[in-house]
Amino acid sequence: GDRAAQAALPGPSTFSLSRAGFIEEPERKYCFECDSEEQCREWIEALKRASYEFMRRSLIFYRNEIQKMTGK
């Protein structure tokens, strides 16, 4: 799955993120509480999409930087 948004649903209206791309602090964990299980799932999907978009933008940026430096 998407490591930046790995989540577990320990209860009906909570979820946590751990080992979620925290390279500097792999033991870091965030716990979230929502009004409903559906809201938890919506947050998890939003975090997955945000993570993907961040990686995509980083790839484009670094690809452009390499092209500027190498001319390729």
PDB file of N, CA and C in Angstrom:
ATOM      1  N   GLY A   1       0.821  -1.188   0.000  1.00  0.00           N
ATOM      2  CA  GLY A   1       0.000   0.000   0.000  1.00  0.00           C
ATOM      3  C   GLY A   1       0.858   1.241   0.000  1.00  0.00           C
ATOM      4  N   ASP A   2       0.248   2.332   0.096  1.00  0.00           N
ATOM      5  CA  ASP A   2       0.925   3.624   0.094  1.00  0.00           C
ATOM      6  C   ASP A   2       1.530   3.855   1.469  1.00  0.00           C
ATOM      7  N   ARG A   3       2.861   3.774   1.572  1.00  0.00           N
ATOM      8  CA  ARG A   3       3.524   3.877   2.867  1.00  0.00           C
ATOM      9  C   ARG A   3       3.243   5.201   3.557  1.00  0.00           C
ATOM     10  N   ALA A   4       3.031   6.263   2.811  1.00  0.00           N
ATOM     11  CA  ALA A   4       2.822   7.565   3.417  1.00  0.00           C
ATOM     12  C   ALA A   4       1.445   7.684   4.043  1.00  0.00           C
ATOM     13  N   ALA A   5       0.602   6.737   3.822  1.00  0.00           N
ATOM     14  CA  ALA A   5      -0.722   6.825   4.419  1.00  0.00           C
ATOM     15  C   ALA A   5      -1.189   5.464   4.911  1.00  0.00           C
ATOM     16  N   GLN A   6      -0.265   4.665   5.418  1.00  0.00           N
ATOM     17  CA  GLN A   6      -0.659   3.390   5.986  1.00  0.00           C
ATOM     18  C   GLN A   6      -1.470   3.696   7.235  1.00  0.00           C
ATOM     19  N   ALA A   7      -2.593   3.108   7.355  1.00  0.00           N
ATOM     20  CA  ALA A   7      -3.437   3.398   8.503  1.00  0.00           C
ATOM     21  C   ALA A   7      -4.124   2.134   8.982  1.00  0.00           C
ATOM     22  N   ALA A   8      -4.396   2.126  10.262  1.00  0.00           N
ATOM     23  CA  ALA A   8      -5.141   1.040  10.860  1.00  0.00           C
ATOM     24  C   ALA A   8      -6.393   1.646  11.479  1.00  0.00           C
ATOM     25  N   LEU A   9      -7.454   0.878  11.510  1.00  0.00           N
ATOM     26  CA  LEU A   9      -8.672   1.336  12.147  1.00  0.00           C
ATOM     27  C   LEU A   9      -8.848   0.572  13.460  1.00  0.00           C
ATOM     28  N   PRO A  10      -8.232   1.064  14.571  1.00  0.00           N
ATOM     29  CA  PRO A  10      -8.310   0.336  15.829  1.00  0.00           C
ATOM     30  C   PRO A  10      -9.694   0.385  16.462  1.00  0.00           C
ATOM     31  N   GLY A  11     -10.515   1.345  16.124  1.00  0.00           N
ATOM     32  CA  GLY A  11     -11.862   1.462  16.668  1.00  0.00           C
ATOM     33  C   GLY A  11     -12.775   2.029  15.600  1.00  0.00           C
ATOM     34  N   PRO A  12     -14.068   2.092  15.878  1.00  0.00           N
ATOM     35  CA  PRO A  12     -15.005   2.535  14.848  1.00  0.00           C
ATOM     36  C   PRO A  12     -14.833   3.987  14.417  1.00  0.00           C
ATOM     37  N   SER A  13     -14.245   4.845  15.265  1.00  0.00           N
ATOM     38  CA  SER A  13     -14.118   6.241  14.855  1.00  0.00           C
ATOM     39  C   SER A  13     -12.733   6.805  15.152  1.00  0.00           C
ATOM     40  N   THR A  14     -11.723   5.953  15.067  1.00  0.00           N
ATOM     41  CA  THR A  14     -10.342   6.397  15.242  1.00  0.00           C
ATOM     42  C   THR A  14      -9.471   5.746  14.194  1.00  0.00           C
ATOM     43  N   PHE A  15      -8.358   6.400  13.884  1.00  0.00           N
ATOM     44  CA  PHE A  15      -7.343   5.752  13.069  1.00  0.00           C
ATOM     45  C   PHE A  15      -6.003   6.334  13.450  1.00  0.00           C
ATOM     46  N   SER A  16      -4.951   5.632  13.103  1.00  0.00           N
ATOM     47  CA  SER A  16      -3.612   6.101  13.434  1.00  0.00           C
ATOM     48  C   SER A  16      -2.709   5.949  12.224  1.00  0.00           C
ATOM     49  N   LEU A  17      -1.694   6.787  12.177  1.00  0.00           N
ATOM     50  CA  LEU A  17      -0.666   6.697  11.145  1.00  0.00           C
ATOM     51  C   LEU A  17       0.643   6.394  11.851  1.00  0.00           C
ATOM     52  N   SER A  18       1.353   5.403  11.344  1.00  0.00           N
ATOM     53  CA  SER A  18       2.663   5.093  11.906  1.00  0.00           C
ATOM     54  C   SER A  18       3.569   4.637  10.780  1.00  0.00           C
ATOM     55  N   ARG A  19       4.869   4.796  10.980  1.00  0.00           N
ATOM     56  CA  ARG A  19       5.848   4.481   9.937  1.00  0.00           C
ATOM     57  C   ARG A  19       5.395   5.086   8.623  1.00  0.00           C
ATOM     58  N   ALA A  20       4.769   6.240   8.690  1.00  0.00           N
ATOM     59  CA  ALA A  20       4.114   6.826   7.522  1.00  0.00           C
ATOM     60  C   ALA A  20       5.050   7.785   6.808  1.00  0.00           C
ATOM     61  N   GLY A  21       6.214   7.301   6.443  1.00  0.00           N
ATOM     62  CA  GLY A  21       7.133   8.162   5.725  1.00  0.00           C
ATOM     63  C   GLY A  21       7.901   9.109   6.618  1.00  0.00           C
ATOM     64  N   PHE A  22       7.857   8.881   7.940  1.00  0.00           N
ATOM     65  CA  PHE A  22       8.601   9.738   8.857  1.00  0.00           C
ATOM     66  C   PHE A  22      10.033   9.209   8.936  1.00  0.00           C
ATOM     67  N   ILE A  23      10.815   9.517   7.927  1.00  0.00           N
ATOM     68  CA  ILE A  23      12.158   8.948   7.812  1.00  0.00           C
ATOM     69  C   ILE A  23      13.008   9.303   9.031  1.00  0.00           C
ATOM     70  N   GLU A  24      12.899  10.552   9.495  1.00  0.00           N
ATOM     71  CA  GLU A  24      13.722  10.989  10.620  1.00  0.00           C
ATOM     72  C   GLU A  24      13.256  10.379  11.940  1.00  0.00           C
ATOM     73  N   GLU A  25      11.966  10.067  12.049  1.00  0.00           N
ATOM     74  CA  GLU A  25      11.407   9.544  13.287  1.00  0.00           C
ATOM     75  C   GLU A  25      10.462   8.381  12.983  1.00  0.00           C
ATOM     76  N   PRO A  26      11.018   7.216  12.617  1.00  0.00           N
ATOM     77  CA  PRO A  26      10.150   6.103  12.186  1.00  0.00           C
ATOM     78  C   PRO A  26       9.210   5.599  13.274  1.00  0.00           C
ATOM     79  N   GLU A  27       9.507   5.868  14.557  1.00  0.00           N
ATOM     80  CA  GLU A  27       8.628   5.388  15.618  1.00  0.00           C
ATOM     81  C   GLU A  27       7.489   6.360  15.916  1.00  0.00           C
ATOM     82  N   ARG A  28       7.459   7.489  15.225  1.00  0.00           N
ATOM     83  CA  ARG A  28       6.402   8.488  15.434  1.00  0.00           C
ATOM     84  C   ARG A  28       5.054   7.918  15.018  1.00  0.00           C
ATOM     85  N   LYS A  29       4.011   8.267  15.788  1.00  0.00           N
ATOM     86  CA  LYS A  29       2.666   7.783  15.498  1.00  0.00           C
ATOM     87  C   LYS A  29       1.676   8.906  15.785  1.00  0.00           C
ATOM     88  N   TYR A  30       0.720   9.068  14.888  1.00  0.00           N
ATOM     89  CA  TYR A  30      -0.345  10.043  15.068  1.00  0.00           C
ATOM     90  C   TYR A  30      -1.661   9.300  15.192  1.00  0.00           C
ATOM     91  N   CYS A  31      -2.484   9.698  16.161  1.00  0.00           N
ATOM     92  CA  CYS A  31      -3.804   9.100  16.332  1.00  0.00           C
ATOM     93  C   CYS A  31      -4.858  10.164  16.048  1.00  0.00           C
ATOM     94  N   PHE A  32      -5.874   9.792  15.310  1.00  0.00           N
ATOM     95  CA  PHE A  32      -6.949  10.694  14.925  1.00  0.00           C
ATOM     96  C   PHE A  32      -8.272  10.132  15.403  1.00  0.00           C
ATOM     97  N   GLU A  33      -9.162  11.007  15.804  1.00  0.00           N
ATOM     98  CA  GLU A  33     -10.506  10.603  16.190  1.00  0.00           C
ATOM     99  C   GLU A  33     -11.493  11.339  15.298  1.00  0.00           C
ATOM    100  N   CYS A  34     -12.451  10.616  14.771  1.00  0.00           N
ATOM    101  CA  CYS A  34     -13.439  11.171  13.848  1.00  0.00           C
ATOM    102  C   CYS A  34     -14.835  10.962  14.424  1.00  0.00           C
ATOM    103  N   ASP A  35     -15.796  11.611  13.797  1.00  0.00           N
ATOM    104  CA  ASP A  35     -17.186  11.470  14.230  1.00  0.00           C
ATOM    105  C   ASP A  35     -17.798  10.136  13.811  1.00  0.00           C
ATOM    106  N   SER A  36     -17.245   9.532  12.750  1.00  0.00           N
ATOM    107  CA  SER A  36     -17.797   8.267  12.258  1.00  0.00           C
ATOM    108  C   SER A  36     -16.704   7.484  11.545  1.00  0.00           C
ATOM    109  N   GLU A  37     -16.972   6.211  11.309  1.00  0.00           N
ATOM    110  CA  GLU A  37     -16.032   5.379  10.565  1.00  0.00           C
ATOM    111  C   GLU A  37     -15.906   5.894   9.131  1.00  0.00           C
ATOM    112  N   GLU A  38     -17.015   6.361   8.561  1.00  0.00           N
ATOM    113  CA  GLU A  38     -16.982   6.910   7.205  1.00  0.00           C
ATOM    114  C   GLU A  38     -16.058   8.129   7.140  1.00  0.00           C
ATOM    115  N   GLN A  39     -16.129   8.983   8.141  1.00  0.00           N
ATOM    116  CA  GLN A  39     -15.253  10.160   8.165  1.00  0.00           C
ATOM    117  C   GLN A  39     -13.783   9.726   8.264  1.00  0.00           C
ATOM    118  N   CYS A  40     -13.503   8.689   9.044  1.00  0.00           N
ATOM    119  CA  CYS A  40     -12.135   8.162   9.133  1.00  0.00           C
ATOM    120  C   CYS A  40     -11.655   7.706   7.761  1.00  0.00           C
ATOM    121  N   ARG A  41     -12.484   6.971   7.056  1.00  0.00           N
ATOM    122  CA  ARG A  41     -12.101   6.483   5.730  1.00  0.00           C
ATOM    123  C   ARG A  41     -11.871   7.648   4.764  1.00  0.00           C
ATOM    124  N   GLU A  42     -12.684   8.686   4.870  1.00  0.00           N
ATOM    125  CA  GLU A  42     -12.496   9.859   4.018  1.00  0.00           C
ATOM    126  C   GLU A  42     -11.153  10.530   4.309  1.00  0.00           C
ATOM    127  N   TRP A  43     -10.788  10.645   5.581  1.00  0.00           N
ATOM    128  CA  TRP A  43      -9.504  11.234   5.949  1.00  0.00           C
ATOM    129  C   TRP A  43      -8.348  10.384   5.428  1.00  0.00           C
ATOM    130  N   ILE A  44      -8.465   9.070   5.566  1.00  0.00           N
ATOM    131  CA  ILE A  44      -7.400   8.180   5.094  1.00  0.00           C
ATOM    132  C   ILE A  44      -7.206   8.356   3.588  1.00  0.00           C
ATOM    133  N   GLU A  45      -8.301   8.400   2.838  1.00  0.00           N
ATOM    134  CA  GLU A  45      -8.195   8.591   1.386  1.00  0.00           C
ATOM    135  C   GLU A  45      -7.594   9.953   1.051  1.00  0.00           C
ATOM    136  N   ALA A  46      -7.980  10.992   1.786  1.00  0.00           N
ATOM    137  CA  ALA A  46      -7.422  12.335   1.547  1.00  0.00           C
ATOM    138  C   ALA A  46      -5.924  12.350   1.815  1.00  0.00           C
ATOM    139  N   LEU A  47      -5.483  11.664   2.870  1.00  0.00           N
ATOM    140  CA  LEU A  47      -4.050  11.605   3.173  1.00  0.00           C
ATOM    141  C   LEU A  47      -3.292  10.834   2.101  1.00  0.00           C
ATOM    142  N   LYS A  48      -3.869   9.774   1.601  1.00  0.00           N
ATOM    143  CA  LYS A  48      -3.226   9.014   0.526  1.00  0.00           C
ATOM    144  C   LYS A  48      -3.070   9.882  -0.718  1.00  0.00           C
ATOM    145  N   ARG A  49      -4.149  10.598  -1.079  1.00  0.00           N
ATOM    146  CA  ARG A  49      -4.089  11.459  -2.261  1.00  0.00           C
ATOM    147  C   ARG A  49      -3.066  12.573  -2.071  1.00  0.00           C
ATOM    148  N   ALA A  50      -3.024  13.172  -0.896  1.00  0.00           N
ATOM    149  CA  ALA A  50      -2.070  14.262  -0.629  1.00  0.00           C
ATOM    150  C   ALA A  50      -0.640  13.748  -0.725  1.00  0.00           C
ATOM    151  N   SER A  51      -0.398  12.567  -0.206  1.00  0.00           N
ATOM    152  CA  SER A  51       0.930  11.981  -0.255  1.00  0.00           C
ATOM    153  C   SER A  51       1.353  11.729  -1.695  1.00  0.00           C
ATOM    154  N   TYR A  52       0.449  11.174  -2.496  1.00  0.00           N
ATOM    155  CA  TYR A  52       0.742  10.899  -3.895  1.00  0.00           C
ATOM    156  C   TYR A  52       1.054  12.206  -4.629  1.00  0.00           C
ATOM    157  N   GLU A  53       0.243  13.237  -4.390  1.00  0.00           N
ATOM    158  CA  GLU A  53       0.434  14.511  -5.075  1.00  0.00           C
ATOM    159  C   GLU A  53       1.773  15.135  -4.687  1.00  0.00           C
ATOM    160  N   PHE A  54       2.162  15.030  -3.422  1.00  0.00           N
ATOM    161  CA  PHE A  54       3.455  15.553  -2.983  1.00  0.00           C
ATOM    162  C   PHE A  54       4.597  14.840  -3.702  1.00  0.00           C
ATOM    163  N   MET A  55       4.524  13.516  -3.770  1.00  0.00           N
ATOM    164  CA  MET A  55       5.575  12.743  -4.444  1.00  0.00           C
ATOM    165  C   MET A  55       5.621  13.075  -5.929  1.00  0.00           C
ATOM    166  N   ARG A  56       4.478  13.220  -6.556  1.00  0.00           N
ATOM    167  CA  ARG A  56       4.400  13.551  -7.969  1.00  0.00           C
ATOM    168  C   ARG A  56       5.045  14.911  -8.239  1.00  0.00           C
ATOM    169  N   ARG A  57       4.713  15.909  -7.410  1.00  0.00           N
ATOM    170  CA  ARG A  57       5.297  17.244  -7.588  1.00  0.00           C
ATOM    171  C   ARG A  57       6.806  17.219  -7.361  1.00  0.00           C
ATOM    172  N   SER A  58       7.254  16.442  -6.378  1.00  0.00           N
ATOM    173  CA  SER A  58       8.691  16.329  -6.126  1.00  0.00           C
ATOM    174  C   SER A  58       9.400  15.705  -7.316  1.00  0.00           C
ATOM    175  N   LEU A  59       8.823  14.658  -7.882  1.00  0.00           N
ATOM    176  CA  LEU A  59       9.407  14.002  -9.044  1.00  0.00           C
ATOM    177  C   LEU A  59       9.547  14.989 -10.203  1.00  0.00           C
ATOM    178  N   ILE A  60       8.495  15.742 -10.479  1.00  0.00           N
ATOM    179  CA  ILE A  60       8.541  16.726 -11.566  1.00  0.00           C
ATOM    180  C   ILE A  60       9.609  17.769 -11.294  1.00  0.00           C
ATOM    181  N   PHE A  61       9.669  18.286 -10.061  1.00  0.00           N
ATOM    182  CA  PHE A  61      10.658  19.307  -9.710  1.00  0.00           C
ATOM    183  C   PHE A  61      12.078  18.787  -9.923  1.00  0.00           C
ATOM    184  N   TYR A  62      12.382  17.606  -9.369  1.00  0.00           N
ATOM    185  CA  TYR A  62      13.746  17.081  -9.472  1.00  0.00           C
ATOM    186  C   TYR A  62      14.093  16.671 -10.899  1.00  0.00           C
ATOM    187  N   ARG A  63      13.121  16.190 -11.629  1.00  0.00           N
ATOM    188  CA  ARG A  63      13.349  15.871 -13.035  1.00  0.00           C
ATOM    189  C   ARG A  63      13.760  17.136 -13.792  1.00  0.00           C
ATOM    190  N   ASN A  64      13.064  18.231 -13.534  1.00  0.00           N
ATOM    191  CA  ASN A  64      13.403  19.512 -14.173  1.00  0.00           C
ATOM    192  C   ASN A  64      14.782  20.021 -13.739  1.00  0.00           C
ATOM    193  N   GLU A  65      15.106  19.869 -12.465  1.00  0.00           N
ATOM    194  CA  GLU A  65      16.422  20.296 -11.962  1.00  0.00           C
ATOM    195  C   GLU A  65      17.538  19.508 -12.628  1.00  0.00           C
ATOM    196  N   ILE A  66      17.359  18.192 -12.757  1.00  0.00           N
ATOM    197  CA  ILE A  66      18.374  17.356 -13.415  1.00  0.00           C
ATOM    198  C   ILE A  66      18.518  17.771 -14.875  1.00  0.00           C
ATOM    199  N   GLN A  67      17.400  18.044 -15.518  1.00  0.00           N
ATOM    200  CA  GLN A  67      17.445  18.463 -16.920  1.00  0.00           C
ATOM    201  C   GLN A  67      18.205  19.779 -17.058  1.00  0.00           C
ATOM    202  N   LYS A  68      17.990  20.723 -16.155  1.00  0.00           N
ATOM    203  CA  LYS A  68      18.714  21.997 -16.192  1.00  0.00           C
ATOM    204  C   LYS A  68      20.220  21.779 -16.014  1.00  0.00           C
ATOM    205  N   MET A  69      20.579  20.879 -15.106  1.00  0.00           N
ATOM    206  CA  MET A  69      21.998  20.659 -14.799  1.00  0.00           C
ATOM    207  C   MET A  69      22.704  19.871 -15.881  1.00  0.00           C
ATOM    208  N   THR A  70      22.013  18.922 -16.483  1.00  0.00           N
ATOM    209  CA  THR A  70      22.675  18.035 -17.440  1.00  0.00           C
ATOM    210  C   THR A  70      22.344  18.362 -18.885  1.00  0.00           C
ATOM    211  N   GLY A  71      21.300  19.139 -19.105  1.00  0.00           N
ATOM    212  CA  GLY A  71      20.883  19.425 -20.462  1.00  0.00           C
ATOM    213  C   GLY A  71      20.177  18.253 -21.117  1.00  0.00           C
ATOM    214  N   LYS A  72      19.855  17.230 -20.352  1.00  0.00           N
ATOM    215  CA  LYS A  72      19.177  16.038 -20.876  1.00  0.00           C
ATOM    216  C   LYS A  72      17.772  15.947 -20.334  1.00  0.00           C
TER     217      LYS A  72
END
